[in-house]
């Protein structure tokens, strides 16, 4: 998340995540970019920590904006959900839309 995008969502408010490192939200850079492969237990800890910031945030537009992206474009913690949680929600919404179209 960049400060620029956060300010566009809530220009009059300070948001809890604004002063955090980008790695908290998206993990370390890929090994090709000088990073490393994040162990699963470290990833879970990082995601839980990021979600703690989301719990105290009043900017819900972040989640709706992220859900407009395709499931395969979901990375990191955004809008109070992990990428896995958002992908599952997107798939559920698509199934519900398909069911309504058939009815």
PDB file of N, CA and C in Angstrom:
ATOM      1  N   UNK A   1       0.850  -1.169   0.000  1.00  0.00           N
ATOM      2  CA  UNK A   1       0.000   0.000   0.000  1.00  0.00           C
ATOM      3  C   UNK A   1       0.887   1.221   0.000  1.00  0.00           C
ATOM      4  N   UNK A   2       0.557   2.140  -0.792  1.00  0.00           N
ATOM      5  CA  UNK A   2       1.332   3.361  -0.784  1.00  0.00           C
ATOM      6  C   UNK A   2       0.564   4.433  -0.035  1.00  0.00           C
ATOM      7  N   UNK A   3       1.288   5.399   0.476  1.00  0.00           N
ATOM      8  CA  UNK A   3       0.617   6.501   1.170  1.00  0.00           C
ATOM      9  C   UNK A   3      -0.290   7.247   0.217  1.00  0.00           C
ATOM     10  N   UNK A   4       0.126   7.364  -1.040  1.00  0.00           N
ATOM     11  CA  UNK A   4      -0.680   8.072  -2.032  1.00  0.00           C
ATOM     12  C   UNK A   4      -2.046   7.407  -2.177  1.00  0.00           C
ATOM     13  N   UNK A   5      -2.090   6.080  -2.328  1.00  0.00           N
ATOM     14  CA  UNK A   5      -3.368   5.410  -2.521  1.00  0.00           C
ATOM     15  C   UNK A   5      -4.215   5.483  -1.257  1.00  0.00           C
ATOM     16  N   UNK A   6      -3.593   5.413  -0.093  1.00  0.00           N
ATOM     17  CA  UNK A   6      -4.344   5.515   1.150  1.00  0.00           C
ATOM     18  C   UNK A   6      -4.928   6.911   1.317  1.00  0.00           C
ATOM     19  N   UNK A   7      -4.204   7.917   0.941  1.00  0.00           N
ATOM     20  CA  UNK A   7      -4.725   9.280   1.068  1.00  0.00           C
ATOM     21  C   UNK A   7      -5.877   9.536   0.115  1.00  0.00           C
ATOM     22  N   UNK A   8      -5.865   8.880  -1.053  1.00  0.00           N
ATOM     23  CA  UNK A   8      -6.996   9.036  -1.980  1.00  0.00           C
ATOM     24  C   UNK A   8      -8.250   8.419  -1.388  1.00  0.00           C
ATOM     25  N   UNK A   9      -8.105   7.322  -0.634  1.00  0.00           N
ATOM     26  CA  UNK A   9      -9.269   6.673  -0.040  1.00  0.00           C
ATOM     27  C   UNK A   9      -9.821   7.471   1.131  1.00  0.00           C
ATOM     28  N   UNK A  10      -8.953   8.095   1.888  1.00  0.00           N
ATOM     29  CA  UNK A  10      -9.390   8.829   3.074  1.00  0.00           C
ATOM     30  C   UNK A  10      -8.556  10.095   3.244  1.00  0.00           C
ATOM     31  N   UNK A  11      -8.747  11.067   2.379  1.00  0.00           N
ATOM     32  CA  UNK A  11      -7.880  12.238   2.410  1.00  0.00           C
ATOM     33  C   UNK A  11      -7.966  13.055   3.698  1.00  0.00           C
ATOM     34  N   UNK A  12      -9.059  12.980   4.412  1.00  0.00           N
ATOM     35  CA  UNK A  12      -9.219  13.773   5.630  1.00  0.00           C
ATOM     36  C   UNK A  12      -8.833  13.013   6.891  1.00  0.00           C
ATOM     37  N   UNK A  13      -8.544  11.736   6.767  1.00  0.00           N
ATOM     38  CA  UNK A  13      -8.263  10.914   7.942  1.00  0.00           C
ATOM     39  C   UNK A  13      -6.866  10.333   7.889  1.00  0.00           C
ATOM     40  N   UNK A  14      -6.330  10.105   9.068  1.00  0.00           N
ATOM     41  CA  UNK A  14      -5.098   9.315   9.157  1.00  0.00           C
ATOM     42  C   UNK A  14      -5.541   7.865   9.291  1.00  0.00           C
ATOM     43  N   UNK A  15      -4.885   6.994   8.574  1.00  0.00           N
ATOM     44  CA  UNK A  15      -5.228   5.582   8.637  1.00  0.00           C
ATOM     45  C   UNK A  15      -4.112   4.831   9.356  1.00  0.00           C
ATOM     46  N   UNK A  16      -4.466   3.804  10.137  1.00  0.00           N
ATOM     47  CA  UNK A  16      -3.480   3.108  10.957  1.00  0.00           C
ATOM     48  C   UNK A  16      -2.293   2.539  10.181  1.00  0.00           C
ATOM     49  N   UNK A  17      -2.508   2.104   8.966  1.00  0.00           N
ATOM     50  CA  UNK A  17      -1.452   1.439   8.203  1.00  0.00           C
ATOM     51  C   UNK A  17      -0.516   2.408   7.496  1.00  0.00           C
ATOM     52  N   UNK A  18      -0.837   3.661   7.521  1.00  0.00           N
ATOM     53  CA  UNK A  18      -0.111   4.645   6.726  1.00  0.00           C
ATOM     54  C   UNK A  18       1.393   4.698   7.021  1.00  0.00           C
ATOM     55  N   UNK A  19       1.772   4.479   8.243  1.00  0.00           N
ATOM     56  CA  UNK A  19       3.180   4.602   8.623  1.00  0.00           C
ATOM     57  C   UNK A  19       3.902   3.261   8.726  1.00  0.00           C
ATOM     58  N   UNK A  20       3.324   2.199   8.228  1.00  0.00           N
ATOM     59  CA  UNK A  20       3.944   0.883   8.331  1.00  0.00           C
ATOM     60  C   UNK A  20       4.758   0.562   7.079  1.00  0.00           C
ATOM     61  N   UNK A  21       5.556  -0.471   7.193  1.00  0.00           N
ATOM     62  CA  UNK A  21       6.364  -0.940   6.069  1.00  0.00           C
ATOM     63  C   UNK A  21       5.494  -1.703   5.077  1.00  0.00           C
ATOM     64  N   UNK A  22       5.779  -1.545   3.816  1.00  0.00           N
ATOM     65  CA  UNK A  22       5.045  -2.254   2.761  1.00  0.00           C
ATOM     66  C   UNK A  22       5.179  -3.767   2.930  1.00  0.00           C
ATOM     67  N   UNK A  23       6.292  -4.218   3.486  1.00  0.00           N
ATOM     68  CA  UNK A  23       6.510  -5.657   3.666  1.00  0.00           C
ATOM     69  C   UNK A  23       5.527  -6.266   4.653  1.00  0.00           C
ATOM     70  N   UNK A  24       5.006  -5.466   5.595  1.00  0.00           N
ATOM     71  CA  UNK A  24       4.002  -5.987   6.517  1.00  0.00           C
ATOM     72  C   UNK A  24       2.775  -6.450   5.745  1.00  0.00           C
ATOM     73  N   UNK A  25       2.417  -5.762   4.696  1.00  0.00           N
ATOM     74  CA  UNK A  25       1.197  -6.017   3.939  1.00  0.00           C
ATOM     75  C   UNK A  25       1.387  -7.023   2.813  1.00  0.00           C
ATOM     76  N   UNK A  26       2.562  -7.038   2.212  1.00  0.00           N
ATOM     77  CA  UNK A  26       2.788  -7.881   1.041  1.00  0.00           C
ATOM     78  C   UNK A  26       3.888  -8.914   1.208  1.00  0.00           C
ATOM     79  N   UNK A  27       4.570  -8.909   2.334  1.00  0.00           N
ATOM     80  CA  UNK A  27       5.649  -9.863   2.550  1.00  0.00           C
ATOM     81  C   UNK A  27       6.962  -9.368   1.966  1.00  0.00           C
ATOM     82  N   UNK A  28       7.997 -10.162   2.132  1.00  0.00           N
ATOM     83  CA  UNK A  28       9.313  -9.751   1.644  1.00  0.00           C
ATOM     84  C   UNK A  28       9.370  -9.803   0.120  1.00  0.00           C
ATOM     85  N   UNK A  29      10.334  -9.109  -0.458  1.00  0.00           N
ATOM     86  CA  UNK A  29      10.509  -9.196  -1.911  1.00  0.00           C
ATOM     87  C   UNK A  29      10.817 -10.639  -2.314  1.00  0.00           C
ATOM     88  N   UNK A  30      10.528 -10.956  -3.538  1.00  0.00           N
ATOM     89  CA  UNK A  30      10.841 -12.289  -4.066  1.00  0.00           C
ATOM     90  C   UNK A  30      12.352 -12.497  -4.072  1.00  0.00           C
ATOM     91  N   UNK A  31      12.802 -13.752  -4.005  1.00  0.00           N
ATOM     92  CA  UNK A  31      14.245 -14.021  -4.021  1.00  0.00           C
ATOM     93  C   UNK A  31      14.961 -13.381  -5.215  1.00  0.00           C
ATOM     94  N   UNK A  32      14.298 -13.324  -6.365  1.00  0.00           N
ATOM     95  CA  UNK A  32      14.901 -12.703  -7.552  1.00  0.00           C
ATOM     96  C   UNK A  32      15.205 -11.220  -7.326  1.00  0.00           C
ATOM     97  N   UNK A  33      14.432 -10.592  -6.417  1.00  0.00           N
ATOM     98  CA  UNK A  33      14.580  -9.157  -6.151  1.00  0.00           C
ATOM     99  C   UNK A  33      15.366  -8.884  -4.870  1.00  0.00           C
ATOM    100  N   UNK A  34      16.144  -9.855  -4.415  1.00  0.00           N
ATOM    101  CA  UNK A  34      16.951  -9.664  -3.213  1.00  0.00           C
ATOM    102  C   UNK A  34      16.248 -10.054  -1.929  1.00  0.00           C
ATOM    103  N   UNK A  35      15.081 -10.651  -2.019  1.00  0.00           N
ATOM    104  CA  UNK A  35      14.335 -11.072  -0.838  1.00  0.00           C
ATOM    105  C   UNK A  35      14.585 -12.532  -0.529  1.00  0.00           C
ATOM    106  N   UNK A  36      13.608 -13.168   0.104  1.00  0.00           N
ATOM    107  CA  UNK A  36      13.710 -14.573   0.457  1.00  0.00           C
ATOM    108  C   UNK A  36      12.324 -15.197   0.462  1.00  0.00           C
ATOM    109  N   UNK A  37      12.283 -16.513   0.520  1.00  0.00           N
ATOM    110  CA  UNK A  37      11.012 -17.226   0.596  1.00  0.00           C
ATOM    111  C   UNK A  37      10.552 -17.176   2.051  1.00  0.00           C
ATOM    112  N   UNK A  38       9.396 -16.601   2.276  1.00  0.00           N
ATOM    113  CA  UNK A  38       8.871 -16.427   3.625  1.00  0.00           C
ATOM    114  C   UNK A  38       8.335 -17.751   4.167  1.00  0.00           C
ATOM    115  N   UNK A  39       8.838 -18.209   5.318  1.00  0.00           N
ATOM    116  CA  UNK A  39       8.313 -19.443   5.908  1.00  0.00           C
ATOM    117  C   UNK A  39       6.837 -19.276   6.290  1.00  0.00           C
ATOM    118  N   UNK A  40       6.048 -20.359   6.206  1.00  0.00           N
ATOM    119  CA  UNK A  40       4.608 -20.263   6.504  1.00  0.00           C
ATOM    120  C   UNK A  40       4.293 -19.685   7.881  1.00  0.00           C
ATOM    121  N   UNK A  41       5.043 -20.051   8.912  1.00  0.00           N
ATOM    122  CA  UNK A  41       4.742 -19.528  10.244  1.00  0.00           C
ATOM    123  C   UNK A  41       5.022 -18.024  10.326  1.00  0.00           C
ATOM    124  N   UNK A  42       6.043 -17.576   9.639  1.00  0.00           N
ATOM    125  CA  UNK A  42       6.342 -16.141   9.609  1.00  0.00           C
ATOM    126  C   UNK A  42       5.263 -15.387   8.823  1.00  0.00           C
ATOM    127  N   UNK A  43       4.784 -15.989   7.739  1.00  0.00           N
ATOM    128  CA  UNK A  43       3.718 -15.357   6.953  1.00  0.00           C
ATOM    129  C   UNK A  43       2.449 -15.214   7.790  1.00  0.00           C
ATOM    130  N   UNK A  44       2.092 -16.264   8.535  1.00  0.00           N
ATOM    131  CA  UNK A  44       0.891 -16.186   9.387  1.00  0.00           C
ATOM    132  C   UNK A  44       1.030 -15.085  10.433  1.00  0.00           C
ATOM    133  N   UNK A  45       2.220 -14.988  11.057  1.00  0.00           N
ATOM    134  CA  UNK A  45       2.448 -13.943  12.052  1.00  0.00           C
ATOM    135  C   UNK A  45       2.307 -12.562  11.408  1.00  0.00           C
ATOM    136  N   UNK A  46       2.932 -12.382  10.249  1.00  0.00           N
ATOM    137  CA  UNK A  46       2.897 -11.091   9.555  1.00  0.00           C
ATOM    138  C   UNK A  46       1.467 -10.719   9.190  1.00  0.00           C
ATOM    139  N   UNK A  47       0.700 -11.667   8.668  1.00  0.00           N
ATOM    140  CA  UNK A  47      -0.682 -11.385   8.288  1.00  0.00           C
ATOM    141  C   UNK A  47      -1.532 -11.036   9.506  1.00  0.00           C
ATOM    142  N   UNK A  48      -1.332 -11.760  10.618  1.00  0.00           N
ATOM    143  CA  UNK A  48      -2.088 -11.438  11.841  1.00  0.00           C
ATOM    144  C   UNK A  48      -1.771 -10.020  12.310  1.00  0.00           C
ATOM    145  N   UNK A  49      -0.503  -9.664  12.248  1.00  0.00           N
ATOM    146  CA  UNK A  49      -0.087  -8.315  12.669  1.00  0.00           C
ATOM    147  C   UNK A  49      -0.721  -7.258  11.758  1.00  0.00           C
ATOM    148  N   UNK A  50      -0.707  -7.467  10.472  1.00  0.00           N
ATOM    149  CA  UNK A  50      -1.321  -6.520   9.533  1.00  0.00           C
ATOM    150  C   UNK A  50      -2.817  -6.407   9.795  1.00  0.00           C
ATOM    151  N   UNK A  51      -3.467  -7.531  10.049  1.00  0.00           N
ATOM    152  CA  UNK A  51      -4.908  -7.509  10.291  1.00  0.00           C
ATOM    153  C   UNK A  51      -5.262  -6.740  11.559  1.00  0.00           C
ATOM    154  N   UNK A  52      -4.350  -6.691  12.517  1.00  0.00           N
ATOM    155  CA  UNK A  52      -4.600  -5.891  13.720  1.00  0.00           C
ATOM    156  C   UNK A  52      -4.740  -4.409  13.360  1.00  0.00           C
ATOM    157  N   UNK A  53      -3.968  -3.950  12.404  1.00  0.00           N
ATOM    158  CA  UNK A  53      -4.119  -2.563  11.942  1.00  0.00           C
ATOM    159  C   UNK A  53      -5.484  -2.379  11.293  1.00  0.00           C
ATOM    160  N   UNK A  54      -5.898  -3.341  10.496  1.00  0.00           N
ATOM    161  CA  UNK A  54      -7.180  -3.240   9.790  1.00  0.00           C
ATOM    162  C   UNK A  54      -8.359  -3.178  10.761  1.00  0.00           C
ATOM    163  N   UNK A  55      -8.259  -3.891  11.887  1.00  0.00           N
ATOM    164  CA  UNK A  55      -9.361  -3.911  12.856  1.00  0.00           C
ATOM    165  C   UNK A  55      -9.676  -2.525  13.398  1.00  0.00           C
ATOM    166  N   UNK A  56      -8.665  -1.665  13.475  1.00  0.00           N
ATOM    167  CA  UNK A  56      -8.886  -0.332  14.034  1.00  0.00           C
ATOM    168  C   UNK A  56      -9.133   0.724  12.962  1.00  0.00           C
ATOM    169  N   UNK A  57      -9.336   0.288  11.727  1.00  0.00           N
ATOM    170  CA  UNK A  57      -9.466   1.226  10.613  1.00  0.00           C
ATOM    171  C   UNK A  57     -10.930   1.416  10.225  1.00  0.00           C
ATOM    172  N   UNK A  58     -11.264   2.641   9.875  1.00  0.00           N
ATOM    173  CA  UNK A  58     -12.639   2.936   9.453  1.00  0.00           C
ATOM    174  C   UNK A  58     -12.765   3.045   7.938  1.00  0.00           C
ATOM    175  N   UNK A  59     -11.682   2.811   7.202  1.00  0.00           N
ATOM    176  CA  UNK A  59     -11.712   2.938   5.746  1.00  0.00           C
ATOM    177  C   UNK A  59     -12.130   1.604   5.138  1.00  0.00           C
ATOM    178  N   UNK A  60     -13.386   1.439   4.881  1.00  0.00           N
ATOM    179  CA  UNK A  60     -13.894   0.199   4.286  1.00  0.00           C
ATOM    180  C   UNK A  60     -13.787   0.225   2.767  1.00  0.00           C
ATOM    181  N   UNK A  61     -13.543   1.371   2.194  1.00  0.00           N
ATOM    182  CA  UNK A  61     -13.416   1.470   0.740  1.00  0.00           C
ATOM    183  C   UNK A  61     -12.256   0.636   0.235  1.00  0.00           C
ATOM    184  N   UNK A  62     -11.254   0.410   1.076  1.00  0.00           N
ATOM    185  CA  UNK A  62     -10.100  -0.390   0.673  1.00  0.00           C
ATOM    186  C   UNK A  62     -10.542  -1.784   0.261  1.00  0.00           C
ATOM    187  N   UNK A  63     -11.392  -2.424   1.038  1.00  0.00           N
ATOM    188  CA  UNK A  63     -11.842  -3.778   0.730  1.00  0.00           C
ATOM    189  C   UNK A  63     -12.663  -3.797  -0.554  1.00  0.00           C
ATOM    190  N   UNK A  64     -13.623  -2.914  -0.694  1.00  0.00           N
ATOM    191  CA  UNK A  64     -14.457  -2.923  -1.899  1.00  0.00           C
ATOM    192  C   UNK A  64     -13.632  -2.645  -3.148  1.00  0.00           C
ATOM    193  N   UNK A  65     -12.665  -1.752  -3.046  1.00  0.00           N
ATOM    194  CA  UNK A  65     -11.798  -1.479  -4.195  1.00  0.00           C
ATOM    195  C   UNK A  65     -10.991  -2.721  -4.556  1.00  0.00           C
ATOM    196  N   UNK A  66     -10.510  -3.416  -3.564  1.00  0.00           N
ATOM    197  CA  UNK A  66      -9.705  -4.617  -3.811  1.00  0.00           C
ATOM    198  C   UNK A  66     -10.563  -5.742  -4.396  1.00  0.00           C
ATOM    199  N   UNK A  67     -11.802  -5.852  -3.976  1.00  0.00           N
ATOM    200  CA  UNK A  67     -12.679  -6.926  -4.461  1.00  0.00           C
ATOM    201  C   UNK A  67     -13.090  -6.723  -5.918  1.00  0.00           C
ATOM    202  N   UNK A  68     -12.888  -5.541  -6.450  1.00  0.00           N
ATOM    203  CA  UNK A  68     -13.174  -5.312  -7.871  1.00  0.00           C
ATOM    204  C   UNK A  68     -12.095  -5.904  -8.766  1.00  0.00           C
ATOM    205  N   UNK A  69     -10.948  -6.215  -8.195  1.00  0.00           N
ATOM    206  CA  UNK A  69      -9.856  -6.824  -8.972  1.00  0.00           C
ATOM    207  C   UNK A  69     -10.123  -8.312  -9.129  1.00  0.00           C
ATOM    208  N   UNK A  70      -9.640  -8.913 -10.207  1.00  0.00           N
ATOM    209  CA  UNK A  70      -9.811 -10.362 -10.387  1.00  0.00           C
ATOM    210  C   UNK A  70      -9.106 -11.149  -9.280  1.00  0.00           C
ATOM    211  N   UNK A  71      -9.570 -12.355  -9.037  1.00  0.00           N
ATOM    212  CA  UNK A  71      -8.999 -13.193  -7.972  1.00  0.00           C
ATOM    213  C   UNK A  71      -7.507 -13.412  -8.160  1.00  0.00           C
ATOM    214  N   UNK A  72      -7.057 -13.540  -9.395  1.00  0.00           N
ATOM    215  CA  UNK A  72      -5.638 -13.788  -9.628  1.00  0.00           C
ATOM    216  C   UNK A  72      -4.772 -12.534  -9.462  1.00  0.00           C
ATOM    217  N   UNK A  73      -5.382 -11.400  -9.137  1.00  0.00           N
ATOM    218  CA  UNK A  73      -4.638 -10.169  -8.880  1.00  0.00           C
ATOM    219  C   UNK A  73      -4.670  -9.792  -7.407  1.00  0.00           C
ATOM    220  N   UNK A  74      -4.908 -10.747  -6.541  1.00  0.00           N
ATOM    221  CA  UNK A  74      -4.984 -10.492  -5.111  1.00  0.00           C
ATOM    222  C   UNK A  74      -3.667 -10.854  -4.443  1.00  0.00           C
ATOM    223  N   UNK A  75      -3.040  -9.871  -3.807  1.00  0.00           N
ATOM    224  CA  UNK A  75      -1.800 -10.100  -3.073  1.00  0.00           C
ATOM    225  C   UNK A  75      -1.856  -9.353  -1.759  1.00  0.00           C
ATOM    226  N   UNK A  76      -1.262  -9.933  -0.751  1.00  0.00           N
ATOM    227  CA  UNK A  76      -1.085  -9.250   0.526  1.00  0.00           C
ATOM    228  C   UNK A  76      -2.363  -9.057   1.318  1.00  0.00           C
ATOM    229  N   UNK A  77      -2.224  -8.339   2.409  1.00  0.00           N
ATOM    230  CA  UNK A  77      -3.351  -8.016   3.291  1.00  0.00           C
ATOM    231  C   UNK A  77      -3.889  -6.668   2.857  1.00  0.00           C
ATOM    232  N   UNK A  78      -5.160  -6.625   2.540  1.00  0.00           N
ATOM    233  CA  UNK A  78      -5.829  -5.386   2.143  1.00  0.00           C
ATOM    234  C   UNK A  78      -7.263  -5.425   2.632  1.00  0.00           C
ATOM    235  N   UNK A  79      -7.755  -4.316   3.101  1.00  0.00           N
ATOM    236  CA  UNK A  79      -9.149  -4.214   3.496  1.00  0.00           C
ATOM    237  C   UNK A  79      -9.551  -5.154   4.617  1.00  0.00           C
ATOM    238  N   UNK A  80      -8.611  -5.525   5.454  1.00  0.00           N
ATOM    239  CA  UNK A  80      -8.927  -6.388   6.590  1.00  0.00           C
ATOM    240  C   UNK A  80      -9.011  -7.861   6.255  1.00  0.00           C
ATOM    241  N   UNK A  81      -8.527  -8.250   5.085  1.00  0.00           N
ATOM    242  CA  UNK A  81      -8.564  -9.658   4.685  1.00  0.00           C
ATOM    243  C   UNK A  81      -7.239 -10.044   4.032  1.00  0.00           C
ATOM    244  N   UNK A  82      -6.881 -11.309   4.173  1.00  0.00           N
ATOM    245  CA  UNK A  82      -5.700 -11.805   3.478  1.00  0.00           C
ATOM    246  C   UNK A  82      -6.072 -12.065   2.027  1.00  0.00           C
ATOM    247  N   UNK A  83      -5.057 -12.287   1.195  1.00  0.00           N
ATOM    248  CA  UNK A  83      -5.338 -12.564  -0.220  1.00  0.00           C
ATOM    249  C   UNK A  83      -6.180 -13.820  -0.369  1.00  0.00           C
ATOM    250  N   UNK A  84      -5.932 -14.842   0.446  1.00  0.00           N
ATOM    251  CA  UNK A  84      -6.733 -16.078   0.368  1.00  0.00           C
ATOM    252  C   UNK A  84      -8.189 -15.816   0.707  1.00  0.00           C
ATOM    253  N   UNK A  85      -8.421 -15.017   1.751  1.00  0.00           N
ATOM    254  CA  UNK A  85      -9.791 -14.701   2.147  1.00  0.00           C
ATOM    255  C   UNK A  85     -10.513 -13.906   1.060  1.00  0.00           C
ATOM    256  N   UNK A  86      -9.810 -12.943   0.459  1.00  0.00           N
ATOM    257  CA  UNK A  86     -10.439 -12.161  -0.612  1.00  0.00           C
ATOM    258  C   UNK A  86     -10.724 -13.014  -1.833  1.00  0.00           C
ATOM    259  N   UNK A  87      -9.803 -13.899  -2.195  1.00  0.00           N
ATOM    260  CA  UNK A  87     -10.038 -14.788  -3.341  1.00  0.00           C
ATOM    261  C   UNK A  87     -11.268 -15.649  -3.106  1.00  0.00           C
ATOM    262  N   UNK A  88     -11.399 -16.188  -1.898  1.00  0.00           N
ATOM    263  CA  UNK A  88     -12.566 -17.016  -1.571  1.00  0.00           C
ATOM    264  C   UNK A  88     -13.853 -16.188  -1.661  1.00  0.00           C
ATOM    265  N   UNK A  89     -13.820 -14.959  -1.171  1.00  0.00           N
ATOM    266  CA  UNK A  89     -15.000 -14.089  -1.228  1.00  0.00           C
ATOM    267  C   UNK A  89     -15.358 -13.745  -2.667  1.00  0.00           C
ATOM    268  N   UNK A  90     -14.366 -13.469  -3.481  1.00  0.00           N
ATOM    269  CA  UNK A  90     -14.611 -13.165  -4.897  1.00  0.00           C
ATOM    270  C   UNK A  90     -15.245 -14.365  -5.581  1.00  0.00           C
ATOM    271  N   UNK A  91     -14.697 -15.566  -5.348  1.00  0.00           N
ATOM    272  CA  UNK A  91     -15.286 -16.778  -5.955  1.00  0.00           C
ATOM    273  C   UNK A  91     -16.721 -16.989  -5.484  1.00  0.00           C
ATOM    274  N   UNK A  92     -16.984 -16.751  -4.194  1.00  0.00           N
ATOM    275  CA  UNK A  92     -18.345 -16.915  -3.674  1.00  0.00           C
ATOM    276  C   UNK A  92     -19.298 -15.912  -4.324  1.00  0.00           C
ATOM    277  N   UNK A  93     -18.852 -14.684  -4.493  1.00  0.00           N
ATOM    278  CA  UNK A  93     -19.697 -13.672  -5.144  1.00  0.00           C
ATOM    279  C   UNK A  93     -19.979 -14.050  -6.596  1.00  0.00           C
ATOM    280  N   UNK A  94     -18.962 -14.550  -7.296  1.00  0.00           N
ATOM    281  CA  UNK A  94     -19.161 -14.957  -8.691  1.00  0.00           C
ATOM    282  C   UNK A  94     -20.137 -16.123  -8.787  1.00  0.00           C
ATOM    283  N   UNK A  95     -20.033 -17.085  -7.866  1.00  0.00           N
ATOM    284  CA  UNK A  95     -20.985 -18.210  -7.855  1.00  0.00           C
ATOM    285  C   UNK A  95     -22.400 -17.716  -7.599  1.00  0.00           C
ATOM    286  N   UNK A  96     -22.549 -16.783  -6.651  1.00  0.00           N
ATOM    287  CA  UNK A  96     -23.877 -16.247  -6.346  1.00  0.00           C
ATOM    288  C   UNK A  96     -24.461 -15.508  -7.555  1.00  0.00           C
ATOM    289  N   UNK A  97     -23.625 -14.759  -8.265  1.00  0.00           N
ATOM    290  CA  UNK A  97     -24.089 -14.065  -9.464  1.00  0.00           C
ATOM    291  C   UNK A  97     -24.510 -15.059 -10.538  1.00  0.00           C
ATOM    292  N   UNK A  98     -23.739 -16.122 -10.689  1.00  0.00           N
ATOM    293  CA  UNK A  98     -24.068 -17.158 -11.692  1.00  0.00           C
ATOM    294  C   UNK A  98     -25.388 -17.831 -11.318  1.00  0.00           C
ATOM    295  N   UNK A  99     -25.583 -18.110 -10.041  1.00  0.00           N
ATOM    296  CA  UNK A  99     -26.824 -18.736  -9.589  1.00  0.00           C
ATOM    297  C   UNK A  99     -28.021 -17.835  -9.854  1.00  0.00           C
ATOM    298  N   UNK A 100     -27.864 -16.533  -9.641  1.00  0.00           N
ATOM    299  CA  UNK A 100     -28.949 -15.589  -9.884  1.00  0.00           C
ATOM    300  C   UNK A 100     -29.265 -15.484 -11.353  1.00  0.00           C
ATOM    301  N   UNK A 101     -28.242 -15.561 -12.187  1.00  0.00           N
ATOM    302  CA  UNK A 101     -28.453 -15.481 -13.638  1.00  0.00           C
ATOM    303  C   UNK A 101     -29.221 -16.689 -14.150  1.00  0.00           C
ATOM    304  N   UNK A 102     -29.014 -17.838 -13.551  1.00  0.00           N
ATOM    305  CA  UNK A 102     -29.692 -19.069 -13.957  1.00  0.00           C
ATOM    306  C   UNK A 102     -31.138 -19.069 -13.479  1.00  0.00           C
ATOM    307  N   UNK A 103     -31.384 -18.451 -12.319  1.00  0.00           N
ATOM    308  CA  UNK A 103     -32.746 -18.468 -11.746  1.00  0.00           C
ATOM    309  C   UNK A 103     -33.721 -17.649 -12.514  1.00  0.00           C
TER     310      UNK A 103
END
